C-alpha atoms as a PDB file:
ATOM      1  CA  MET A   1     140.320  59.666 -54.657  1.00  0.00           C
ATOM      2  CA  ARG A   2     140.084  61.258 -58.099  1.00  0.00           C
ATOM      3  CA  PHE A   3     143.533  62.765 -57.577  1.00  0.00           C
ATOM      4  CA  VAL A   4     144.917  59.286 -56.852  1.00  0.00           C
ATOM      5  CA  VAL A   5     143.266  57.960 -60.031  1.00  0.00           C
ATOM      6  CA  PHE A   6     144.809  60.832 -61.990  1.00  0.00           C
ATOM      7  CA  LEU A   7     148.258  60.102 -60.545  1.00  0.00           C
ATOM      8  CA  CYS A   8     147.856  56.439 -61.461  1.00  0.00           C
ATOM      9  CA  CYS A   9     147.019  57.479 -65.021  1.00  0.00           C
ATOM     10  CA  LEU A  10     150.104  59.674 -65.037  1.00  0.00           C
ATOM     11  CA  GLY A  11     152.173  56.693 -64.009  1.00  0.00           C
ATOM     12  CA  LEU A  12     150.881  54.703 -66.952  1.00  0.00           C
ATOM     13  CA  ALA A  13     151.859  57.353 -69.475  1.00  0.00           C
ATOM     14  CA  VAL A  14     154.868  56.469 -71.556  1.00  0.00           C
ATOM     15  CA  PHE A  15     156.595  59.808 -71.556  1.00  0.00           C
ATOM     16  CA  THR A  16     159.531  61.233 -73.465  1.00  0.00           C
ATOM     17  CA  ALA A  17     161.005  64.708 -73.535  1.00  0.00           C
ATOM     18  CA  ARG A  18     160.225  66.895 -76.517  1.00  0.00           C
ATOM     19  CA  PRO A  19     163.137  69.329 -76.683  1.00  0.00           C
ATOM     20  CA  LEU A  20     162.916  72.419 -78.838  1.00  0.00           C
ATOM     21  CA  TRP A  21     164.971  70.730 -81.534  1.00  0.00           C
ATOM     22  CA  ALA A  22     164.407  67.194 -82.750  1.00  0.00           C
ATOM     23  CA  GLN A  23     166.384  64.710 -80.729  1.00  0.00           C
ATOM     24  CA  ASP A  24     169.602  63.914 -82.476  1.00  0.00           C
ATOM     25  CA  PRO A  25     172.201  61.273 -81.574  1.00  0.00           C
ATOM     26  CA  SER A  26     174.834  64.022 -81.622  1.00  0.00           C
ATOM     27  CA  GLN A  27     173.132  65.798 -78.682  1.00  0.00           C
ATOM     28  CA  THR A  28     175.024  65.140 -75.514  1.00  0.00           C
ATOM     29  CA  LEU A  29     174.695  65.843 -71.842  1.00  0.00           C
ATOM     30  CA  ARG A  30     177.181  68.642 -71.237  1.00  0.00           C
ATOM     31  CA  GLU A  31     176.657  69.206 -67.520  1.00  0.00           C
ATOM     32  CA  THR A  32     174.288  68.778 -64.603  1.00  0.00           C
ATOM     33  CA  HIS A  33     173.376  71.491 -62.112  1.00  0.00           C
ATOM     34  CA  GLY A  34     171.197  70.222 -59.282  1.00  0.00           C
ATOM     35  CA  ASP A  35     168.002  68.871 -60.860  1.00  0.00           C
ATOM     36  CA  TRP A  36     168.689  70.438 -64.288  1.00  0.00           C
ATOM     37  CA  GLU A  37     170.726  69.001 -67.156  1.00  0.00           C
ATOM     38  CA  VAL A  38     172.253  71.009 -69.992  1.00  0.00           C
ATOM     39  CA  HIS A  39     172.258  69.171 -73.332  1.00  0.00           C
ATOM     40  CA  CYS A  40     174.000  70.464 -76.452  1.00  0.00           C
ATOM     41  CA  GLY A  41     174.245  69.473 -80.081  1.00  0.00           C
ATOM     42  CA  ILE A  42     174.742  70.901 -83.520  1.00  0.00           C
ATOM     43  CA  GLY A  43     171.595  72.641 -84.756  1.00  0.00           C
ATOM     44  CA  PRO A  44     170.286  73.040 -88.311  1.00  0.00           C
ATOM     45  CA  SER A  45     172.446  76.143 -88.799  1.00  0.00           C
ATOM     46  CA  GLY A  46     175.601  74.174 -87.979  1.00  0.00           C
ATOM     47  CA  ALA A  47     176.103  76.068 -84.726  1.00  0.00           C
ATOM     48  CA  GLU A  48     176.015  74.501 -81.281  1.00  0.00           C
ATOM     49  CA  GLU A  49     172.595  74.777 -79.639  1.00  0.00           C
ATOM     50  CA  CYS A  50     171.878  73.902 -76.020  1.00  0.00           C
ATOM     51  CA  PHE A  51     168.829  73.469 -73.830  1.00  0.00           C
ATOM     52  CA  MET A  52     168.119  72.748 -70.180  1.00  0.00           C
ATOM     53  CA  PHE A  53     166.086  69.703 -69.220  1.00  0.00           C
ATOM     54  CA  GLN A  54     164.373  68.310 -66.132  1.00  0.00           C
ATOM     55  CA  ALA A  55     162.308  65.151 -65.901  1.00  0.00           C
ATOM     56  CA  VAL A  56     159.737  64.956 -63.109  1.00  0.00           C
ATOM     57  CA  ASN A  57     158.988  61.391 -62.070  1.00  0.00           C
ATOM     58  CA  MET A  58     156.489  59.887 -59.649  1.00  0.00           C
ATOM     59  CA  GLN A  59     158.423  58.887 -56.556  1.00  0.00           C
ATOM     60  CA  SER A  60     156.554  55.610 -56.153  1.00  0.00           C
ATOM     61  CA  SER A  61     157.025  54.239 -59.671  1.00  0.00           C
ATOM     62  CA  LEU A  62     159.675  56.506 -61.240  1.00  0.00           C
ATOM     63  CA  GLU A  63     157.333  57.000 -64.213  1.00  0.00           C
ATOM     64  CA  ARG A  64     157.705  60.391 -65.882  1.00  0.00           C
ATOM     65  CA  VAL A  65     154.827  62.813 -65.239  1.00  0.00           C
ATOM     66  CA  MET A  66     156.328  65.986 -66.666  1.00  0.00           C
ATOM     67  CA  SER A  67     159.243  67.205 -68.739  1.00  0.00           C
ATOM     68  CA  ALA A  68     160.593  70.738 -68.592  1.00  0.00           C
ATOM     69  CA  VAL A  69     162.811  72.207 -71.309  1.00  0.00           C
ATOM     70  CA  VAL A  70     164.349  75.683 -71.267  1.00  0.00           C
ATOM     71  CA  ALA A  71     165.755  76.923 -74.545  1.00  0.00           C
ATOM     72  CA  LYS A  72     167.337  80.123 -75.734  1.00  0.00           C
ATOM     73  CA  PRO A  73     166.731  80.089 -79.500  1.00  0.00           C
ATOM     74  CA  PRO A  74     169.239  82.274 -81.366  1.00  0.00           C
ATOM     75  CA  GLY A  75     167.852  85.786 -81.772  1.00  0.00           C
ATOM     76  CA  GLU A  76     164.709  85.032 -79.740  1.00  0.00           C
ATOM     77  CA  ASP A  77     163.582  85.328 -76.138  1.00  0.00           C
ATOM     78  CA  PRO A  78     164.143  82.252 -73.963  1.00  0.00           C
ATOM     79  CA  LEU A  79     161.216  79.921 -73.389  1.00  0.00           C
ATOM     80  CA  LEU A  80     160.112  77.167 -71.055  1.00  0.00           C
ATOM     81  CA  ARG A  81     158.221  74.227 -72.522  1.00  0.00           C
ATOM     82  CA  LEU A  82     156.382  71.922 -70.144  1.00  0.00           C
ATOM     83  CA  THR A  83     155.000  68.606 -71.340  1.00  0.00           C
ATOM     84  CA  VAL A  84     152.443  66.771 -69.208  1.00  0.00           C
ATOM     85  CA  PRO A  85     150.634  63.466 -69.819  1.00  0.00           C
ATOM     86  CA  LEU A  86     147.464  63.120 -71.855  1.00  0.00           C
ATOM     87  CA  GLY A  87     144.217  63.318 -69.933  1.00  0.00           C
ATOM     88  CA  VAL A  88     144.359  66.983 -68.988  1.00  0.00           C
ATOM     89  CA  LEU A  89     141.469  69.305 -69.716  1.00  0.00           C
ATOM     90  CA  LEU A  90     142.885  71.431 -72.518  1.00  0.00           C
ATOM     91  CA  PRO A  91     140.661  74.524 -72.074  1.00  0.00           C
ATOM     92  CA  ASN A  92     141.928  74.959 -68.503  1.00  0.00           C
ATOM     93  CA  GLY A  93     145.556  75.305 -69.529  1.00  0.00           C
ATOM     94  CA  LEU A  94     148.481  74.827 -67.207  1.00  0.00           C
ATOM     95  CA  ASN A  95     149.289  77.075 -64.249  1.00  0.00           C
ATOM     96  CA  LEU A  96     152.781  77.799 -62.964  1.00  0.00           C
ATOM     97  CA  ALA A  97     153.542  79.070 -59.464  1.00  0.00           C
ATOM     98  CA  ILE A  98     156.986  79.787 -58.053  1.00  0.00           C
ATOM     99  CA  ASP A  99     157.335  79.747 -54.274  1.00  0.00           C
ATOM    100  CA  GLN A 100     153.534  79.994 -54.034  1.00  0.00           C
ATOM    101  CA  VAL A 101     153.428  83.108 -56.258  1.00  0.00           C
ATOM    102  CA  ASP A 102     151.099  82.617 -59.223  1.00  0.00           C
ATOM    103  CA  MET A 103     152.999  83.232 -62.469  1.00  0.00           C
ATOM    104  CA  GLY A 104     149.903  82.724 -64.613  1.00  0.00           C
ATOM    105  CA  THR A 105     148.166  80.172 -66.770  1.00  0.00           C
ATOM    106  CA  VAL A 106     149.180  79.243 -70.317  1.00  0.00           C
ATOM    107  CA  GLY A 107     147.300  77.269 -72.937  1.00  0.00           C
ATOM    108  CA  TYR A 108     148.505  74.078 -74.535  1.00  0.00           C
ATOM    109  CA  LEU A 109     150.382  74.383 -77.835  1.00  0.00           C
ATOM    110  CA  THR A 110     149.904  70.840 -79.053  1.00  0.00           C
ATOM    111  CA  CYS A 111     149.512  67.247 -77.935  1.00  0.00           C
ATOM    112  CA  PHE A 112     151.639  64.304 -78.977  1.00  0.00           C
ATOM    113  CA  ALA A 113     150.968  60.593 -78.546  1.00  0.00           C
ATOM    114  CA  ASP A 114     152.557  60.780 -75.095  1.00  0.00           C
ATOM    115  CA  GLY A 115     151.582  64.175 -73.716  1.00  0.00           C
ATOM    116  CA  CYS A 116     150.525  67.792 -74.159  1.00  0.00           C
ATOM    117  CA  MET A 117     152.953  70.701 -74.334  1.00  0.00           C
ATOM    118  CA  THR A 118     152.714  74.315 -73.205  1.00  0.00           C
ATOM    119  CA  GLN A 119     155.105  77.188 -73.646  1.00  0.00           C
ATOM    120  CA  VAL A 120     155.942  79.914 -71.155  1.00  0.00           C
ATOM    121  CA  ASP A 121     157.646  82.962 -72.624  1.00  0.00           C
ATOM    122  CA  MET A 122     160.472  83.749 -70.258  1.00  0.00           C
ATOM    123  CA  THR A 123     160.291  87.478 -69.736  1.00  0.00           C
ATOM    124  CA  ALA A 124     162.892  89.119 -67.496  1.00  0.00           C
ATOM    125  CA  ASP A 125     160.415  88.852 -64.591  1.00  0.00           C
ATOM    126  CA  VAL A 126     159.852  85.132 -65.160  1.00  0.00           C
ATOM    127  CA  VAL A 127     163.605  84.448 -65.430  1.00  0.00           C
ATOM    128  CA  ALA A 128     164.228  86.421 -62.219  1.00  0.00           C
ATOM    129  CA  SER A 129     161.486  84.485 -60.412  1.00  0.00           C
ATOM    130  CA  LEU A 130     162.847  81.131 -61.581  1.00  0.00           C
ATOM    131  CA  LYS A 131     166.413  82.080 -60.640  1.00  0.00           C
ATOM    132  CA  GLY A 132     165.379  83.393 -57.228  1.00  0.00           C
ATOM    133  CA  GLY A 133     162.867  80.673 -56.462  1.00  0.00           C
ATOM    134  CA  ASN A 134     163.172  77.457 -54.518  1.00  0.00           C
ATOM    135  CA  GLN A 135     160.246  75.409 -55.826  1.00  0.00           C
ATOM    136  CA  GLY A 136     157.868  75.593 -58.749  1.00  0.00           C
ATOM    137  CA  VAL A 137     154.448  73.985 -58.836  1.00  0.00           C
ATOM    138  CA  VAL A 138     152.689  73.165 -62.082  1.00  0.00           C
ATOM    139  CA  THR A 139     148.946  72.706 -61.759  1.00  0.00           C
ATOM    140  CA  VAL A 140     146.933  70.875 -64.394  1.00  0.00           C
ATOM    141  CA  VAL A 141     143.275  69.901 -64.344  1.00  0.00           C
ATOM    142  CA  ASP A 142     142.524  66.209 -64.810  1.00  0.00           C
ATOM    143  CA  THR A 143     139.666  64.650 -66.759  1.00  0.00           C
ATOM    144  CA  PHE A 144     137.524  64.681 -63.613  1.00  0.00           C
ATOM    145  CA  GLY A 145     137.921  68.462 -63.344  1.00  0.00           C
ATOM    146  CA  GLN A 146     140.219  68.153 -60.331  1.00  0.00           C
ATOM    147  CA  PRO A 147     143.505  70.072 -60.067  1.00  0.00           C
ATOM    148  CA  ALA A 148     146.691  68.042 -59.829  1.00  0.00           C
ATOM    149  CA  GLN A 149     149.945  69.636 -58.738  1.00  0.00           C
ATOM    150  CA  LEU A 150     153.311  68.584 -60.118  1.00  0.00           C
ATOM    151  CA  PRO A 151     156.577  69.768 -58.533  1.00  0.00           C
ATOM    152  CA  LEU A 152     159.165  71.616 -60.620  1.00  0.00           C
ATOM    153  CA  SER A 153     162.499  71.776 -58.824  1.00  0.00           C
ATOM    154  CA  LEU A 154     164.467  74.978 -59.174  1.00  0.00           C
ATOM    155  CA  THR A 155     167.574  73.481 -57.568  1.00  0.00           C
ATOM    156  CA  GLY A 156     170.416  74.261 -59.950  1.00  0.00           C
ATOM    157  CA  PHE A 157     168.252  76.371 -62.263  1.00  0.00           C
ATOM    158  CA  THR A 158     170.400  79.515 -62.046  1.00  0.00           C
ATOM    159  CA  ALA A 159     173.681  77.705 -62.652  1.00  0.00           C
ATOM    160  CA  ALA A 160     172.256  75.740 -65.583  1.00  0.00           C
ATOM    161  CA  TYR A 161     170.604  78.818 -67.115  1.00  0.00           C
ATOM    162  CA  ASP A 162     173.786  80.883 -66.827  1.00  0.00           C
ATOM    163  CA  SER A 163     175.939  78.087 -68.301  1.00  0.00           C
ATOM    164  CA  PHE A 164     174.645  78.359 -71.864  1.00  0.00           C
END
Protein backbone atom coordinates (compact mmCIF):
# COMPACT_ATOMS: atom_id res chain seq x y z
CA MET A 1 0.00 0.00 0.00
CA ARG A 2 2.79 2.43 0.86
CA PHE A 3 4.37 1.73 -2.52
CA VAL A 4 1.09 2.66 -4.22
CA VAL A 5 0.95 5.90 -2.19
CA PHE A 6 4.53 6.66 -3.22
CA LEU A 7 3.71 6.05 -6.89
CA CYS A 8 0.70 8.34 -6.59
CA CYS A 9 2.96 11.03 -5.15
CA LEU A 10 5.34 10.50 -8.05
CA GLY A 11 2.47 11.03 -10.44
CA LEU A 12 1.68 14.36 -8.84
CA ALA A 13 5.21 15.66 -9.25
CA VAL A 14 5.60 18.25 -11.95
CA PHE A 15 8.85 17.07 -13.44
CA THR A 16 11.26 18.55 -15.95
CA ALA A 17 14.63 17.35 -17.17
CA ARG A 18 17.71 19.05 -15.80
CA PRO A 19 20.34 18.53 -18.49
CA LEU A 20 23.98 19.18 -17.74
CA TRP A 21 23.77 22.55 -19.46
CA ALA A 22 20.98 25.04 -18.95
CA GLN A 23 18.15 24.46 -21.37
CA ASP A 24 18.52 26.74 -24.32
CA PRO A 25 16.07 27.31 -27.19
CA SER A 26 18.91 26.52 -29.60
CA GLN A 27 19.15 22.93 -28.26
CA THR A 28 17.52 20.56 -30.66
CA LEU A 29 16.65 16.91 -30.85
CA ARG A 30 19.26 15.49 -33.22
CA GLU A 31 18.23 11.84 -33.23
CA THR A 32 16.38 9.11 -31.37
CA HIS A 33 17.75 5.64 -30.68
CA GLY A 34 15.20 3.35 -29.05
CA ASP A 35 14.21 4.97 -25.75
CA TRP A 36 17.09 7.50 -25.79
CA GLU A 37 17.17 10.92 -27.45
CA VAL A 38 20.31 12.83 -28.40
CA HIS A 39 19.98 16.61 -28.01
CA CYS A 40 22.61 19.10 -29.16
CA GLY A 41 23.18 22.81 -28.91
CA ILE A 42 25.91 25.39 -28.78
CA GLY A 43 27.60 25.43 -25.37
CA PRO A 44 29.22 28.33 -23.51
CA SER A 45 32.50 27.74 -25.36
CA GLY A 46 30.77 28.17 -28.73
CA ALA A 47 31.25 24.51 -29.60
CA GLU A 48 28.45 22.03 -30.14
CA GLU A 49 27.63 20.04 -27.00
CA CYS A 50 25.30 17.05 -26.91
CA PHE A 51 23.66 14.90 -24.27
CA MET A 52 21.47 11.81 -24.18
CA PHE A 53 18.07 11.97 -22.52
CA GLN A 54 15.36 9.56 -21.39
CA ALA A 55 12.15 10.41 -19.60
CA VAL A 56 10.54 7.67 -17.50
CA ASN A 57 6.80 8.12 -17.16
CA MET A 58 4.16 6.26 -15.16
CA GLN A 59 2.25 4.10 -17.61
CA SER A 60 -1.11 4.87 -16.04
CA SER A 61 -0.90 8.67 -16.05
CA LEU A 62 2.11 9.46 -18.28
CA GLU A 63 3.46 11.68 -15.48
CA ARG A 64 7.25 11.83 -15.37
CA VAL A 65 8.85 9.92 -12.47
CA MET A 66 12.48 10.08 -13.53
CA SER A 67 14.77 11.78 -16.01
CA ALA A 68 18.09 10.35 -17.13
CA VAL A 69 20.78 12.45 -18.80
CA VAL A 70 24.11 11.16 -20.10
CA ALA A 71 26.71 13.77 -20.91
CA LYS A 72 30.29 13.71 -22.07
CA PRO A 73 31.68 17.06 -20.90
CA PRO A 74 34.72 18.13 -22.95
CA GLY A 75 37.91 16.90 -21.29
CA GLU A 76 36.03 15.01 -18.55
CA ASP A 77 34.72 11.50 -17.97
CA PRO A 78 31.13 10.87 -19.06
CA LEU A 79 28.42 10.98 -16.41
CA LEU A 80 24.86 9.87 -15.86
CA ARG A 81 22.54 12.20 -13.96
CA LEU A 82 19.27 10.78 -12.66
CA THR A 83 16.57 13.07 -11.33
CA VAL A 84 13.74 11.61 -9.26
CA PRO A 85 10.76 13.32 -7.59
CA LEU A 86 10.87 14.94 -4.18
CA GLY A 87 9.88 12.75 -1.26
CA VAL A 88 12.86 10.40 -1.31
CA LEU A 89 14.91 9.78 1.81
CA LEU A 90 18.13 11.60 0.98
CA PRO A 91 20.49 9.67 3.30
CA ASN A 92 19.62 6.40 1.53
CA GLY A 93 20.78 7.60 -1.87
CA LEU A 94 19.78 6.03 -5.14
CA ASN A 95 20.74 2.53 -6.24
CA LEU A 96 21.31 1.46 -9.84
CA ALA A 97 21.16 -2.14 -11.04
CA ILE A 98 21.67 -3.32 -14.61
CA ASP A 99 20.17 -6.68 -15.54
CA GLN A 100 19.84 -7.43 -11.81
CA VAL A 101 23.54 -6.71 -11.16
CA ASP A 102 24.00 -4.09 -8.44
CA MET A 103 26.08 -1.20 -9.78
CA GLY A 104 26.10 0.60 -6.43
CA THR A 105 24.42 3.40 -4.55
CA VAL A 106 25.12 7.11 -5.06
CA GLY A 107 24.14 10.07 -2.93
CA TYR A 108 22.02 12.97 -4.08
CA LEU A 109 23.84 16.04 -5.41
CA THR A 110 21.05 18.55 -4.98
CA CYS A 111 17.29 18.97 -4.99
CA PHE A 112 15.29 21.37 -7.12
CA ALA A 113 11.66 22.43 -6.77
CA ASP A 114 10.65 19.41 -8.85
CA GLY A 115 13.07 16.66 -7.88
CA CYS A 116 16.40 15.45 -6.54
CA MET A 117 19.41 14.69 -8.72
CA THR A 118 22.22 12.15 -8.42
CA GLN A 119 25.30 11.64 -10.53
CA VAL A 120 26.88 8.36 -11.56
CA ASP A 121 30.45 8.62 -12.81
CA MET A 122 30.56 6.48 -15.91
CA THR A 123 33.72 4.45 -15.57
CA ALA A 124 34.64 2.05 -18.38
CA ASP A 125 32.94 -0.75 -16.40
CA VAL A 126 29.71 1.23 -16.00
CA VAL A 127 29.66 2.19 -19.70
CA ALA A 128 30.25 -1.46 -20.68
CA SER A 129 27.43 -2.61 -18.38
CA LEU A 130 25.02 -0.01 -19.76
CA LYS A 131 25.94 -0.85 -23.36
CA GLY A 132 25.64 -4.59 -22.78
CA GLY A 133 22.56 -4.45 -20.59
CA ASN A 134 18.90 -4.85 -21.40
CA GLN A 135 17.20 -3.16 -18.45
CA GLY A 136 18.25 -0.86 -15.64
CA VAL A 137 16.40 -0.51 -12.36
CA VAL A 138 16.74 2.56 -10.18
CA THR A 139 15.73 2.03 -6.57
CA VAL A 140 14.88 4.94 -4.30
CA VAL A 141 13.52 4.88 -0.76
CA ASP A 142 10.26 6.74 -0.19
CA THR A 143 9.28 8.81 2.83
CA PHE A 144 7.79 5.71 4.46
CA GLY A 145 11.17 3.96 4.27
CA GLN A 146 9.96 1.62 1.52
CA PRO A 147 12.00 0.97 -1.64
CA ALA A 148 10.45 1.95 -4.94
CA GLN A 149 11.86 0.68 -8.22
CA LEU A 150 11.87 2.75 -11.39
CA PRO A 151 12.71 1.20 -14.78
CA LEU A 152 15.53 2.62 -16.89
CA SER A 153 15.37 1.31 -20.44
CA LEU A 154 18.66 0.53 -22.12
CA THR A 155 17.04 0.05 -25.53
CA GLY A 156 19.04 2.20 -27.92
CA PHE A 157 21.62 3.18 -25.29
CA THR A 158 24.65 1.93 -27.24
CA ALA A 159 23.65 3.60 -30.50
CA ALA A 160 22.86 6.90 -28.77
CA TYR A 161 26.06 6.83 -26.71
CA ASP A 162 28.21 6.08 -29.75
CA SER A 163 26.52 8.81 -31.83
CA PHE A 164 28.03 11.77 -29.99
